[in-house]
C-alpha atoms as a PDB file:
ATOM      1  CA  MET A   1     -89.715 -64.381  -6.414  1.00  0.00           C
ATOM      2  CA  THR A   2     -87.736 -65.131  -9.461  1.00  0.00           C
ATOM      3  CA  MET A   3     -83.962 -64.323  -9.436  1.00  0.00           C
ATOM      4  CA  ILE A   4     -82.453 -62.925 -12.698  1.00  0.00           C
ATOM      5  CA  PRO A   5     -78.868 -64.170 -13.081  1.00  0.00           C
ATOM      6  CA  SER A   6     -76.219 -61.369 -13.429  1.00  0.00           C
ATOM      7  CA  ASN A   7     -74.338 -61.145 -16.750  1.00  0.00           C
ATOM      8  CA  ASN A   8     -71.065 -59.405 -15.738  1.00  0.00           C
ATOM      9  CA  SER A   9     -68.678 -61.844 -17.504  1.00  0.00           C
ATOM     10  CA  GLY A  10     -68.489 -59.608 -20.557  1.00  0.00           C
ATOM     11  CA  ALA A  11     -67.512 -56.607 -18.531  1.00  0.00           C
ATOM     12  CA  ASP A  12     -64.950 -58.566 -16.632  1.00  0.00           C
ATOM     13  CA  ASP A  13     -63.358 -59.752 -19.911  1.00  0.00           C
ATOM     14  CA  ARG A  14     -63.290 -56.215 -21.198  1.00  0.00           C
ATOM     15  CA  GLY A  15     -61.615 -55.024 -18.017  1.00  0.00           C
ATOM     16  CA  PHE A  16     -59.005 -57.787 -18.151  1.00  0.00           C
ATOM     17  CA  ALA A  17     -58.371 -57.101 -21.805  1.00  0.00           C
ATOM     18  CA  LEU A  18     -57.887 -53.381 -21.002  1.00  0.00           C
ATOM     19  CA  LEU A  19     -55.468 -54.279 -18.257  1.00  0.00           C
ATOM     20  CA  VAL A  20     -53.440 -56.509 -20.606  1.00  0.00           C
ATOM     21  CA  VAL A  21     -53.305 -53.675 -23.211  1.00  0.00           C
ATOM     22  CA  ILE A  22     -52.037 -51.217 -20.599  1.00  0.00           C
ATOM     23  CA  VAL A  23     -49.320 -53.641 -19.413  1.00  0.00           C
ATOM     24  CA  VAL A  24     -48.287 -54.385 -23.035  1.00  0.00           C
ATOM     25  CA  MET A  25     -48.196 -50.670 -23.809  1.00  0.00           C
ATOM     26  CA  LEU A  26     -45.988 -50.023 -20.736  1.00  0.00           C
ATOM     27  CA  MET A  27     -43.698 -52.830 -21.713  1.00  0.00           C
ATOM     28  CA  VAL A  28     -43.412 -51.503 -25.291  1.00  0.00           C
ATOM     29  CA  SER A  29     -42.830 -47.940 -23.920  1.00  0.00           C
ATOM     30  CA  PHE A  30     -40.158 -49.242 -21.593  1.00  0.00           C
ATOM     31  CA  LEU A  31     -38.393 -51.273 -24.398  1.00  0.00           C
ATOM     32  CA  ALA A  32     -38.616 -48.261 -26.691  1.00  0.00           C
ATOM     33  CA  SER A  33     -37.092 -45.979 -24.117  1.00  0.00           C
ATOM     34  CA  GLN A  34     -34.303 -48.399 -23.521  1.00  0.00           C
ATOM     35  CA  LEU A  35     -33.643 -48.623 -27.245  1.00  0.00           C
ATOM     36  CA  ILE A  36     -33.474 -44.878 -27.573  1.00  0.00           C
ATOM     37  CA  LEU A  37     -31.201 -44.658 -24.520  1.00  0.00           C
ATOM     38  CA  ALA A  38     -28.926 -47.327 -26.033  1.00  0.00           C
ATOM     39  CA  LEU A  39     -28.824 -45.561 -29.324  1.00  0.00           C
ATOM     40  CA  ARG A  40     -28.001 -42.261 -27.679  1.00  0.00           C
ATOM     41  CA  THR A  41     -25.271 -43.926 -25.617  1.00  0.00           C
ATOM     42  CA  GLU A  42     -23.768 -45.466 -28.715  1.00  0.00           C
ATOM     43  CA  GLN A  43     -23.916 -42.142 -30.486  1.00  0.00           C
ATOM     44  CA  GLN A  44     -22.197 -40.408 -27.562  1.00  0.00           C
ATOM     45  CA  ILE A  45     -19.493 -43.157 -27.425  1.00  0.00           C
ATOM     46  CA  ALA A  46     -18.990 -42.825 -31.158  1.00  0.00           C
ATOM     47  CA  TYR A  47     -18.758 -39.031 -30.763  1.00  0.00           C
ATOM     48  CA  ASN A  48     -16.298 -39.186 -27.849  1.00  0.00           C
ATOM     49  CA  LEU A  49     -14.064 -41.572 -29.833  1.00  0.00           C
ATOM     50  CA  LYS A  50     -14.145 -39.228 -32.811  1.00  0.00           C
ATOM     51  CA  GLN A  51     -13.239 -36.311 -30.646  1.00  0.00           C
ATOM     52  CA  ARG A  52     -10.502 -38.288 -29.002  1.00  0.00           C
ATOM     53  CA  ASP A  53      -9.080 -39.219 -32.330  1.00  0.00           C
ATOM     54  CA  ARG A  54      -9.187 -35.528 -33.415  1.00  0.00           C
ATOM     55  CA  ALA A  55      -7.504 -34.519 -30.161  1.00  0.00           C
ATOM     56  CA  LEU A  56      -4.747 -37.042 -30.716  1.00  0.00           C
ATOM     57  CA  PHE A  57      -4.161 -35.773 -34.274  1.00  0.00           C
ATOM     58  CA  LEU A  58      -3.991 -32.263 -32.935  1.00  0.00           C
ATOM     59  CA  ALA A  59      -1.562 -33.265 -30.184  1.00  0.00           C
ATOM     60  CA  GLU A  60       0.657 -35.040 -32.731  1.00  0.00           C
ATOM     61  CA  ALA A  61       0.545 -31.872 -34.787  1.00  0.00           C
ATOM     62  CA  GLY A  62       1.763 -29.967 -31.697  1.00  0.00           C
ATOM     63  CA  VAL A  63       4.683 -32.341 -31.320  1.00  0.00           C
ATOM     64  CA  ASN A  64       5.614 -31.704 -34.955  1.00  0.00           C
ATOM     65  CA  LEU A  65       5.324 -27.935 -34.479  1.00  0.00           C
ATOM     66  CA  ALA A  66       7.665 -28.206 -31.556  1.00  0.00           C
ATOM     67  CA  LEU A  67      10.097 -30.200 -33.648  1.00  0.00           C
ATOM     68  CA  PHE A  68       9.949 -27.680 -36.423  1.00  0.00           C
ATOM     69  CA  ARG A  69      10.988 -25.010 -33.925  1.00  0.00           C
ATOM     70  CA  LEU A  70      13.692 -27.176 -32.382  1.00  0.00           C
ATOM     71  CA  LEU A  71      15.188 -27.869 -35.734  1.00  0.00           C
ATOM     72  CA  ASP A  72      14.858 -24.261 -36.728  1.00  0.00           C
ATOM     73  CA  LYS A  73      12.606 -25.003 -39.607  1.00  0.00           C
ATOM     74  CA  ALA A  74       9.723 -22.662 -40.598  1.00  0.00           C
ATOM     75  CA  PRO A  75       6.363 -24.486 -41.041  1.00  0.00           C
ATOM     76  CA  THR A  76       5.935 -22.675 -44.422  1.00  0.00           C
ATOM     77  CA  GLU A  77       8.015 -20.794 -46.908  1.00  0.00           C
ATOM     78  CA  GLU A  78       6.604 -17.505 -45.864  1.00  0.00           C
ATOM     79  CA  GLU A  79       8.340 -15.670 -42.984  1.00  0.00           C
ATOM     80  CA  ASN A  80       6.439 -15.771 -39.693  1.00  0.00           C
ATOM     81  CA  GLU A  81       7.739 -13.378 -37.103  1.00  0.00           C
ATOM     82  CA  GLU A  82       5.816 -15.144 -34.333  1.00  0.00           C
ATOM     83  CA  PHE A  83       7.576 -18.424 -35.246  1.00  0.00           C
ATOM     84  CA  GLY A  84      10.903 -17.719 -33.545  1.00  0.00           C
ATOM     85  CA  PRO A  85      13.268 -19.756 -31.426  1.00  0.00           C
ATOM     86  CA  MET A  86      11.432 -22.066 -29.038  1.00  0.00           C
ATOM     87  CA  LEU A  87      12.149 -21.259 -25.365  1.00  0.00           C
ATOM     88  CA  ALA A  88      12.177 -23.913 -22.718  1.00  0.00           C
ATOM     89  CA  GLY A  89       9.051 -24.255 -20.551  1.00  0.00           C
ATOM     90  CA  TYR A  90       6.932 -21.728 -22.584  1.00  0.00           C
ATOM     91  CA  ASP A  91       3.428 -22.720 -23.555  1.00  0.00           C
ATOM     92  CA  TYR A  92       2.744 -22.032 -27.196  1.00  0.00           C
ATOM     93  CA  THR A  93      -0.849 -22.094 -28.626  1.00  0.00           C
ATOM     94  CA  THR A  94      -2.115 -22.499 -32.172  1.00  0.00           C
ATOM     95  CA  LEU A  95      -5.898 -22.074 -32.926  1.00  0.00           C
ATOM     96  CA  LEU A  96      -7.384 -24.062 -35.826  1.00  0.00           C
ATOM     97  CA  GLU A  97     -10.900 -24.270 -37.134  1.00  0.00           C
ATOM     98  CA  ASN A  98     -11.439 -27.679 -35.620  1.00  0.00           C
ATOM     99  CA  GLY A  99      -9.631 -27.238 -32.351  1.00  0.00           C
ATOM    100  CA  ARG A 100      -6.763 -25.884 -30.244  1.00  0.00           C
ATOM    101  CA  ILE A 101      -3.092 -27.005 -30.041  1.00  0.00           C
ATOM    102  CA  SER A 102      -0.950 -26.098 -27.048  1.00  0.00           C
ATOM    103  CA  TYR A 103       2.665 -27.344 -26.781  1.00  0.00           C
ATOM    104  CA  SER A 104       5.899 -26.760 -24.809  1.00  0.00           C
ATOM    105  CA  MET A 105       9.473 -27.981 -24.836  1.00  0.00           C
ATOM    106  CA  THR A 106      11.984 -28.573 -22.108  1.00  0.00           C
ATOM    107  CA  SER A 107      15.570 -29.690 -22.477  1.00  0.00           C
ATOM    108  CA  GLU A 108      16.676 -32.580 -20.286  1.00  0.00           C
ATOM    109  CA  SER A 109      19.668 -30.519 -19.323  1.00  0.00           C
ATOM    110  CA  GLY A 110      17.445 -28.375 -17.163  1.00  0.00           C
ATOM    111  CA  LYS A 111      16.547 -31.343 -14.924  1.00  0.00           C
ATOM    112  CA  MET A 112      18.322 -33.408 -12.261  1.00  0.00           C
ATOM    113  CA  ASP A 113      19.668 -36.721 -13.522  1.00  0.00           C
ATOM    114  CA  LEU A 114      18.679 -39.424 -11.080  1.00  0.00           C
ATOM    115  CA  ASN A 115      21.801 -41.322 -11.845  1.00  0.00           C
ATOM    116  CA  ASN A 116      24.179 -38.368 -11.294  1.00  0.00           C
ATOM    117  CA  VAL A 117      22.449 -35.797  -9.189  1.00  0.00           C
ATOM    118  CA  PRO A 118      24.634 -34.347  -6.363  1.00  0.00           C
ATOM    119  CA  LEU A 119      23.078 -35.094  -3.057  1.00  0.00           C
ATOM    120  CA  GLY A 120      23.491 -31.446  -2.123  1.00  0.00           C
ATOM    121  CA  LEU A 121      21.265 -30.380  -5.047  1.00  0.00           C
ATOM    122  CA  LEU A 122      18.753 -33.075  -4.347  1.00  0.00           C
ATOM    123  CA  GLU A 123      18.539 -32.033  -0.666  1.00  0.00           C
ATOM    124  CA  LEU A 124      17.946 -28.384  -1.591  1.00  0.00           C
ATOM    125  CA  PHE A 125      15.245 -29.370  -4.002  1.00  0.00           C
ATOM    126  CA  LEU A 126      13.489 -31.660  -1.409  1.00  0.00           C
ATOM    127  CA  SER A 127      13.785 -28.895   1.232  1.00  0.00           C
ATOM    128  CA  HIS A 128      12.026 -26.539  -1.174  1.00  0.00           C
ATOM    129  CA  GLN A 129       9.186 -29.099  -1.367  1.00  0.00           C
ATOM    130  CA  GLY A 130       8.728 -28.752   2.393  1.00  0.00           C
ATOM    131  CA  LEU A 131      10.321 -31.967   3.564  1.00  0.00           C
ATOM    132  CA  THR A 132      12.132 -32.310   6.956  1.00  0.00           C
ATOM    133  CA  GLU A 133      15.783 -33.232   7.359  1.00  0.00           C
ATOM    134  CA  GLU A 134      14.758 -36.842   8.318  1.00  0.00           C
ATOM    135  CA  GLU A 135      12.457 -37.194   5.243  1.00  0.00           C
ATOM    136  CA  ILE A 136      15.242 -35.883   3.049  1.00  0.00           C
ATOM    137  CA  ALA A 137      17.757 -38.291   4.540  1.00  0.00           C
ATOM    138  CA  ILE A 138      15.427 -41.288   3.921  1.00  0.00           C
ATOM    139  CA  ILE A 139      15.018 -40.342   0.224  1.00  0.00           C
ATOM    140  CA  SER A 140      18.693 -39.568  -0.273  1.00  0.00           C
ATOM    141  CA  ASP A 141      19.881 -42.833   1.123  1.00  0.00           C
ATOM    142  CA  SER A 142      17.115 -44.869  -0.416  1.00  0.00           C
ATOM    143  CA  LEU A 143      18.022 -43.405  -3.860  1.00  0.00           C
ATOM    144  CA  LEU A 144      21.600 -44.484  -3.411  1.00  0.00           C
ATOM    145  CA  ASP A 145      20.486 -47.973  -2.333  1.00  0.00           C
ATOM    146  CA  TRP A 146      18.093 -48.141  -5.300  1.00  0.00           C
ATOM    147  CA  ARG A 147      21.000 -47.561  -7.709  1.00  0.00           C
ATOM    148  CA  ASP A 148      23.775 -49.663  -6.230  1.00  0.00           C
ATOM    149  CA  ALA A 149      24.151 -53.420  -6.916  1.00  0.00           C
ATOM    150  CA  ASP A 150      24.458 -54.742  -3.327  1.00  0.00           C
ATOM    151  CA  ASN A 151      21.672 -55.542  -0.848  1.00  0.00           C
ATOM    152  CA  LEU A 152      23.134 -53.591   2.107  1.00  0.00           C
ATOM    153  CA  HIS A 153      21.047 -50.647   3.021  1.00  0.00           C
ATOM    154  CA  ARG A 154      22.368 -47.320   4.342  1.00  0.00           C
ATOM    155  CA  LEU A 155      21.437 -45.865   7.647  1.00  0.00           C
ATOM    156  CA  ASN A 156      18.211 -44.304   6.384  1.00  0.00           C
ATOM    157  CA  GLY A 157      17.908 -46.332   3.210  1.00  0.00           C
ATOM    158  CA  ALA A 158      16.035 -49.448   1.988  1.00  0.00           C
ATOM    159  CA  GLU A 159      16.870 -52.550   0.043  1.00  0.00           C
ATOM    160  CA  GLN A 160      15.034 -55.583  -1.317  1.00  0.00           C
ATOM    161  CA  GLU A 161      13.696 -56.782   2.023  1.00  0.00           C
ATOM    162  CA  PHE A 162      11.914 -53.438   2.632  1.00  0.00           C
ATOM    163  CA  TYR A 163      10.257 -53.432  -0.767  1.00  0.00           C
ATOM    164  CA  MET A 164       9.255 -57.079  -0.698  1.00  0.00           C
ATOM    165  CA  ASP A 165       7.538 -56.530   2.659  1.00  0.00           C
ATOM    166  CA  LEU A 166       5.191 -53.876   1.246  1.00  0.00           C
ATOM    167  CA  HIS A 167       1.536 -54.531   0.663  1.00  0.00           C
ATOM    168  CA  ASP A 168       2.219 -54.500  -3.031  1.00  0.00           C
ATOM    169  CA  PRO A 169       5.779 -55.807  -3.229  1.00  0.00           C
ATOM    170  CA  TYR A 170       8.336 -55.143  -5.966  1.00  0.00           C
ATOM    171  CA  LEU A 171      11.966 -55.442  -6.497  1.00  0.00           C
ATOM    172  CA  PRO A 172      14.286 -52.360  -6.437  1.00  0.00           C
ATOM    173  CA  ARG A 173      16.365 -51.581  -9.577  1.00  0.00           C
ATOM    174  CA  ASN A 174      19.780 -52.248  -8.037  1.00  0.00           C
ATOM    175  CA  GLY A 175      21.371 -50.551 -11.039  1.00  0.00           C
ATOM    176  CA  ARG A 176      21.076 -47.411 -13.234  1.00  0.00           C
ATOM    177  CA  ILE A 177      17.677 -45.895 -13.240  1.00  0.00           C
ATOM    178  CA  LYS A 178      15.893 -46.264 -16.588  1.00  0.00           C
ATOM    179  CA  GLU A 179      13.179 -43.632 -16.431  1.00  0.00           C
ATOM    180  CA  PRO A 180      12.189 -40.751 -14.116  1.00  0.00           C
ATOM    181  CA  ASP A 181       8.958 -42.420 -12.936  1.00  0.00           C
ATOM    182  CA  GLU A 182      11.092 -44.799 -10.837  1.00  0.00           C
ATOM    183  CA  PHE A 183      11.671 -41.987  -8.445  1.00  0.00           C
ATOM    184  CA  PHE A 184       8.256 -42.455  -6.894  1.00  0.00           C
ATOM    185  CA  LEU A 185       8.896 -46.163  -6.248  1.00  0.00           C
ATOM    186  CA  ILE A 186      11.820 -45.271  -3.987  1.00  0.00           C
ATOM    187  CA  ASN A 187      11.291 -45.460  -0.197  1.00  0.00           C
ATOM    188  CA  GLY A 188      10.250 -42.051   1.288  1.00  0.00           C
ATOM    189  CA  THR A 189       9.049 -40.383  -1.893  1.00  0.00           C
ATOM    190  CA  ALA A 190       5.482 -40.701  -0.867  1.00  0.00           C
ATOM    191  CA  ALA A 191       6.055 -37.407   1.029  1.00  0.00           C
ATOM    192  CA  VAL A 192       6.256 -35.527  -2.325  1.00  0.00           C
ATOM    193  CA  THR A 193       3.748 -37.541  -4.317  1.00  0.00           C
ATOM    194  CA  GLY A 194       1.332 -35.104  -6.042  1.00  0.00           C
ATOM    195  CA  LYS A 195       3.662 -32.112  -5.632  1.00  0.00           C
ATOM    196  CA  PHE A 196       5.110 -32.549  -9.151  1.00  0.00           C
ATOM    197  CA  THR A 197       5.510 -35.099 -11.857  1.00  0.00           C
ATOM    198  CA  ALA A 198       8.744 -37.120 -11.997  1.00  0.00           C
ATOM    199  CA  ASP A 199       9.705 -36.009 -15.534  1.00  0.00           C
ATOM    200  CA  ALA A 200       9.187 -32.351 -14.634  1.00  0.00           C
ATOM    201  CA  ALA A 201      12.120 -32.454 -12.274  1.00  0.00           C
ATOM    202  CA  PHE A 202      14.145 -35.523 -13.065  1.00  0.00           C
ATOM    203  CA  THR A 203      15.765 -37.173 -16.132  1.00  0.00           C
ATOM    204  CA  VAL A 204      18.096 -40.001 -17.023  1.00  0.00           C
ATOM    205  CA  HIS A 205      19.509 -38.077 -19.966  1.00  0.00           C
ATOM    206  CA  ASN A 206      21.655 -35.361 -18.351  1.00  0.00           C
ATOM    207  CA  PRO A 207      25.175 -36.760 -17.721  1.00  0.00           C
ATOM    208  CA  GLN A 208      26.265 -33.510 -16.262  1.00  0.00           C
ATOM    209  CA  LYS A 209      25.979 -32.958 -12.571  1.00  0.00           C
ATOM    210  CA  THR A 210      24.499 -29.528 -13.120  1.00  0.00           C
ATOM    211  CA  ILE A 211      21.107 -28.112 -14.232  1.00  0.00           C
ATOM    212  CA  ASN A 212      21.166 -25.759 -17.320  1.00  0.00           C
ATOM    213  CA  PHE A 213      19.870 -22.311 -16.133  1.00  0.00           C
ATOM    214  CA  ASN A 214      18.662 -21.671 -19.690  1.00  0.00           C
ATOM    215  CA  SER A 215      16.460 -24.796 -19.866  1.00  0.00           C
ATOM    216  CA  LEU A 216      14.586 -24.863 -16.533  1.00  0.00           C
ATOM    217  CA  THR A 217      11.149 -26.608 -16.486  1.00  0.00           C
ATOM    218  CA  PRO A 218       8.418 -24.708 -14.585  1.00  0.00           C
ATOM    219  CA  VAL A 219       9.015 -26.955 -11.579  1.00  0.00           C
ATOM    220  CA  MET A 220      12.787 -26.452 -11.606  1.00  0.00           C
ATOM    221  CA  LEU A 221      12.274 -22.675 -12.210  1.00  0.00           C
ATOM    222  CA  ASP A 222      10.084 -22.502  -9.088  1.00  0.00           C
ATOM    223  CA  PHE A 223      12.794 -24.360  -7.141  1.00  0.00           C
ATOM    224  CA  VAL A 224      15.618 -22.165  -8.399  1.00  0.00           C
ATOM    225  CA  MET A 225      13.747 -18.949  -7.617  1.00  0.00           C
ATOM    226  CA  ALA A 226      12.516 -20.293  -4.321  1.00  0.00           C
ATOM    227  CA  GLY A 227       8.980 -19.755  -5.357  1.00  0.00           C
ATOM    228  CA  ASP A 228       9.415 -16.002  -5.940  1.00  0.00           C
ATOM    229  CA  ASN A 229       6.988 -15.068  -8.728  1.00  0.00           C
ATOM    230  CA  ASP A 230       8.627 -11.731  -9.437  1.00  0.00           C
ATOM    231  CA  ARG A 231      12.047 -13.499  -9.983  1.00  0.00           C
ATOM    232  CA  LYS A 232      10.346 -16.137 -12.189  1.00  0.00           C
ATOM    233  CA  GLN A 233       8.780 -13.340 -14.276  1.00  0.00           C
ATOM    234  CA  ALA A 234      12.187 -11.567 -14.548  1.00  0.00           C
ATOM    235  CA  TYR A 235      13.730 -14.819 -15.766  1.00  0.00           C
ATOM    236  CA  ARG A 236      11.021 -15.095 -18.437  1.00  0.00           C
ATOM    237  CA  GLU A 237      11.421 -11.427 -19.575  1.00  0.00           C
ATOM    238  CA  ALA A 238      15.286 -11.894 -19.675  1.00  0.00           C
ATOM    239  CA  GLN A 239      14.887 -15.021 -21.825  1.00  0.00           C
ATOM    240  CA  ASP A 240      12.597 -13.092 -24.257  1.00  0.00           C
ATOM    241  CA  VAL A 241      15.234 -10.506 -24.729  1.00  0.00           C
ATOM    242  CA  TYR A 242      18.527 -12.371 -24.579  1.00  0.00           C
ATOM    243  CA  THR A 243      17.482 -16.020 -25.190  1.00  0.00           C
ATOM    244  CA  THR A 244      20.705 -17.342 -23.541  1.00  0.00           C
ATOM    245  CA  LEU A 245      21.494 -16.119 -20.028  1.00  0.00           C
ATOM    246  CA  ASN A 246      24.942 -16.134 -18.417  1.00  0.00           C
ATOM    247  CA  LYS A 247      26.252 -16.477 -14.878  1.00  0.00           C
ATOM    248  CA  ALA A 248      26.080 -12.739 -14.188  1.00  0.00           C
ATOM    249  CA  MET A 249      22.433 -12.546 -15.334  1.00  0.00           C
ATOM    250  CA  ALA A 250      21.607 -15.577 -13.176  1.00  0.00           C
ATOM    251  CA  ARG A 251      23.049 -13.951 -10.119  1.00  0.00           C
ATOM    252  CA  GLN A 252      21.040 -10.823 -10.720  1.00  0.00           C
ATOM    253  CA  ILE A 253      17.861 -12.649 -11.249  1.00  0.00           C
ATOM    254  CA  ILE A 254      18.167 -15.212  -8.435  1.00  0.00           C
ATOM    255  CA  GLY A 255      19.638 -12.898  -5.862  1.00  0.00           C
ATOM    256  CA  ASP A 256      23.077 -13.203  -4.210  1.00  0.00           C
ATOM    257  CA  GLU A 257      22.084 -15.379  -1.204  1.00  0.00           C
ATOM    258  CA  ARG A 258      20.110 -17.948  -3.245  1.00  0.00           C
ATOM    259  CA  PHE A 259      22.664 -17.900  -6.040  1.00  0.00           C
ATOM    260  CA  ALA A 260      25.496 -18.736  -3.547  1.00  0.00           C
ATOM    261  CA  LEU A 261      23.588 -21.928  -2.602  1.00  0.00           C
ATOM    262  CA  LEU A 262      22.983 -22.997  -6.178  1.00  0.00           C
ATOM    263  CA  GLU A 263      26.070 -21.784  -8.029  1.00  0.00           C
ATOM    264  CA  PRO A 264      27.896 -25.171  -7.853  1.00  0.00           C
ATOM    265  CA  TYR A 265      24.934 -26.833  -9.548  1.00  0.00           C
ATOM    266  CA  LEU A 266      24.213 -24.424 -12.361  1.00  0.00           C
ATOM    267  CA  SER A 267      25.461 -24.436 -16.020  1.00  0.00           C
ATOM    268  CA  TYR A 268      24.614 -22.116 -18.857  1.00  0.00           C
ATOM    269  CA  ASN A 269      25.527 -23.938 -22.132  1.00  0.00           C
ATOM    270  CA  GLN A 270      22.483 -24.870 -24.197  1.00  0.00           C
ATOM    271  CA  GLY A 271      24.375 -26.936 -26.717  1.00  0.00           C
ATOM    272  CA  THR A 272      25.666 -29.873 -24.641  1.00  0.00           C
ATOM    273  CA  ASN A 273      22.434 -31.811 -24.382  1.00  0.00           C
ATOM    274  CA  ARG A 274      20.419 -33.077 -27.378  1.00  0.00           C
ATOM    275  CA  TYR A 275      17.513 -34.676 -25.463  1.00  0.00           C
ATOM    276  CA  TYR A 276      14.244 -32.760 -25.208  1.00  0.00           C
ATOM    277  CA  THR A 277      10.798 -33.520 -23.778  1.00  0.00           C
ATOM    278  CA  ILE A 278       7.864 -32.185 -25.855  1.00  0.00           C
ATOM    279  CA  SER A 279       4.391 -31.942 -24.322  1.00  0.00           C
ATOM    280  CA  ALA A 280       1.527 -31.258 -26.675  1.00  0.00           C
ATOM    281  CA  THR A 281      -2.193 -31.135 -25.978  1.00  0.00           C
ATOM    282  CA  GLY A 282      -4.972 -31.184 -28.545  1.00  0.00           C
ATOM    283  CA  ARG A 283      -8.552 -30.166 -27.818  1.00  0.00           C
ATOM    284  CA  ALA A 284     -11.035 -30.817 -30.541  1.00  0.00           C
ATOM    285  CA  GLY A 285     -14.082 -28.601 -31.281  1.00  0.00           C
ATOM    286  CA  ALA A 286     -14.543 -24.963 -31.643  1.00  0.00           C
ATOM    287  CA  ASP A 287     -16.906 -22.307 -30.424  1.00  0.00           C
ATOM    288  CA  PRO A 288     -18.703 -19.826 -32.775  1.00  0.00           C
ATOM    289  CA  GLN A 289     -15.648 -17.593 -32.724  1.00  0.00           C
ATOM    290  CA  GLY A 290     -13.409 -20.442 -33.721  1.00  0.00           C
ATOM    291  CA  GLU A 291     -11.626 -20.760 -30.417  1.00  0.00           C
ATOM    292  CA  SER A 292     -11.624 -24.168 -28.795  1.00  0.00           C
ATOM    293  CA  PRO A 293     -12.435 -23.596 -25.061  1.00  0.00           C
ATOM    294  CA  PRO A 294      -9.307 -24.376 -22.992  1.00  0.00           C
ATOM    295  CA  ASN A 295     -11.414 -26.429 -20.513  1.00  0.00           C
ATOM    296  CA  ARG A 296     -12.689 -28.847 -23.229  1.00  0.00           C
ATOM    297  CA  PRO A 297     -11.411 -32.335 -22.625  1.00  0.00           C
ATOM    298  CA  GLY A 298      -8.319 -33.160 -24.693  1.00  0.00           C
ATOM    299  CA  LEU A 299      -5.407 -35.562 -25.050  1.00  0.00           C
ATOM    300  CA  THR A 300      -1.843 -34.953 -24.210  1.00  0.00           C
ATOM    301  CA  VAL A 301       1.162 -36.523 -25.817  1.00  0.00           C
ATOM    302  CA  LYS A 302       4.653 -36.438 -24.136  1.00  0.00           C
ATOM    303  CA  ALA A 303       7.479 -37.324 -26.441  1.00  0.00           C
ATOM    304  CA  LEU A 304      11.116 -37.667 -25.471  1.00  0.00           C
ATOM    305  CA  VAL A 305      13.226 -36.967 -28.534  1.00  0.00           C
ATOM    306  CA  ARG A 306      16.935 -36.844 -29.342  1.00  0.00           C
ATOM    307  CA  LEU A 307      18.090 -34.363 -31.912  1.00  0.00           C
ATOM    308  CA  LEU A 308      20.542 -35.738 -34.505  1.00  0.00           C
ATOM    309  CA  THR A 309      22.624 -33.662 -36.975  1.00  0.00           C
ATOM    310  CA  ASP A 310      19.832 -33.130 -39.393  1.00  0.00           C
ATOM    311  CA  ASN A 311      17.021 -35.278 -38.016  1.00  0.00           C
ATOM    312  CA  TYR A 312      15.615 -36.555 -34.711  1.00  0.00           C
ATOM    313  CA  GLN A 313      14.847 -39.843 -32.886  1.00  0.00           C
ATOM    314  CA  ILE A 314      11.828 -40.442 -30.734  1.00  0.00           C
ATOM    315  CA  ILE A 315      13.007 -42.249 -27.493  1.00  0.00           C
ATOM    316  CA  ALA A 316       9.644 -42.461 -25.610  1.00  0.00           C
ATOM    317  CA  TRP A 317       6.008 -41.597 -26.345  1.00  0.00           C
ATOM    318  CA  LYS A 318       3.182 -41.422 -23.834  1.00  0.00           C
ATOM    319  CA  GLU A 319      -0.464 -40.446 -24.276  1.00  0.00           C
ATOM    320  CA  HIS A 320      -3.060 -39.556 -21.567  1.00  0.00           C
ATOM    321  CA  LEU A 321      -6.411 -37.759 -21.424  1.00  0.00           C
ATOM    322  CA  SER A 322      -6.330 -34.240 -20.036  1.00  0.00           C
END
C-alpha cells in the first residue's frame, strides 16, 4: 500500500500568519488606546490649569472688590445701591458670565492678638471650644512660654526641650509671635485642631487687649454669642440697620449674664485698627442660566492688607484650592 504524504505546511503557515496579524492588531489597538488616553489626560490637565487660572483671576477680582468697598470707592461712576459699606464677616457674591466671585472682609481688631490676649479671654474662648480646665491650662502656660525669651517652662507649659523631643522636632519662637498659624505649633493646641483656622480667631495686628464687637469674624461671633444662632442673627440684623453697635446694643444682643463675662474684653470703636483680612474665592465656569455652581472647584485668596490714608499695603498673600 502506497502512503501519500500529508501537505499541511501551507495551512500551518497561514494559521501562524493569522496569529501574528491578530497579535499585531492587538498591540496596535493597545498603543492607540494609550495614545488616546494620554491625549485626553493632557487635554484635561490643560483644561484644569485654564480653569485654575480663571479662578485665580476671579479671586483676585474679589480682593479688589473688597478693597473698593473698604476704601469707600464705587466700582463705577453709576450709583449702585447694593454696593454699600462692607460689613465684617459677611459673604458677598458677584455673578459673572464666566464664573462666580464670593468675598468677605474681617478687621483684625475683631480677633485676639496672640501677643497681647488677656488669659481670661483666651480661657473663655478655649472653654467655648469644649476644652477641660487642664487642657486650657496647658495651652495658656505654653503660649506664655512660647513668647518669652527664657528656657524655663511654667507649671503646665513647655520649652525647647519638649519641642525638640517630638517626632518632628522644631524650635519654639521665644519671642513675639509673627503670624497666627504659629498657634497650632504650641503645646496642647492639638486639642482644638480642626475646630477653626488660626486666622479666624487670632491675629498679631491688634495691639489692644480687647476684641472689637463690630468686627467679629464668624468664629469669634459664635464664641461671643455662646453658639446661640438667634443671637447671632440678631447681631447681623442690628449691623444691617445701625452698622456700628454700641455697648448698650451689645448687652441687649448678648444677654446680661454672658455680657458680664465678656464686658472687660469688648470694645466698639471701628477706626482704631487699619489691618483687614480679605478672603475671596473664584469659581470658573457657568451653567446655562449663567450662574456658576457654588460646589464647583475654585481657588481662594486670603490677603492681609493695611489701609493707608488714601491707599493700601498688602502685608500677606495666600492661595489655596477650595
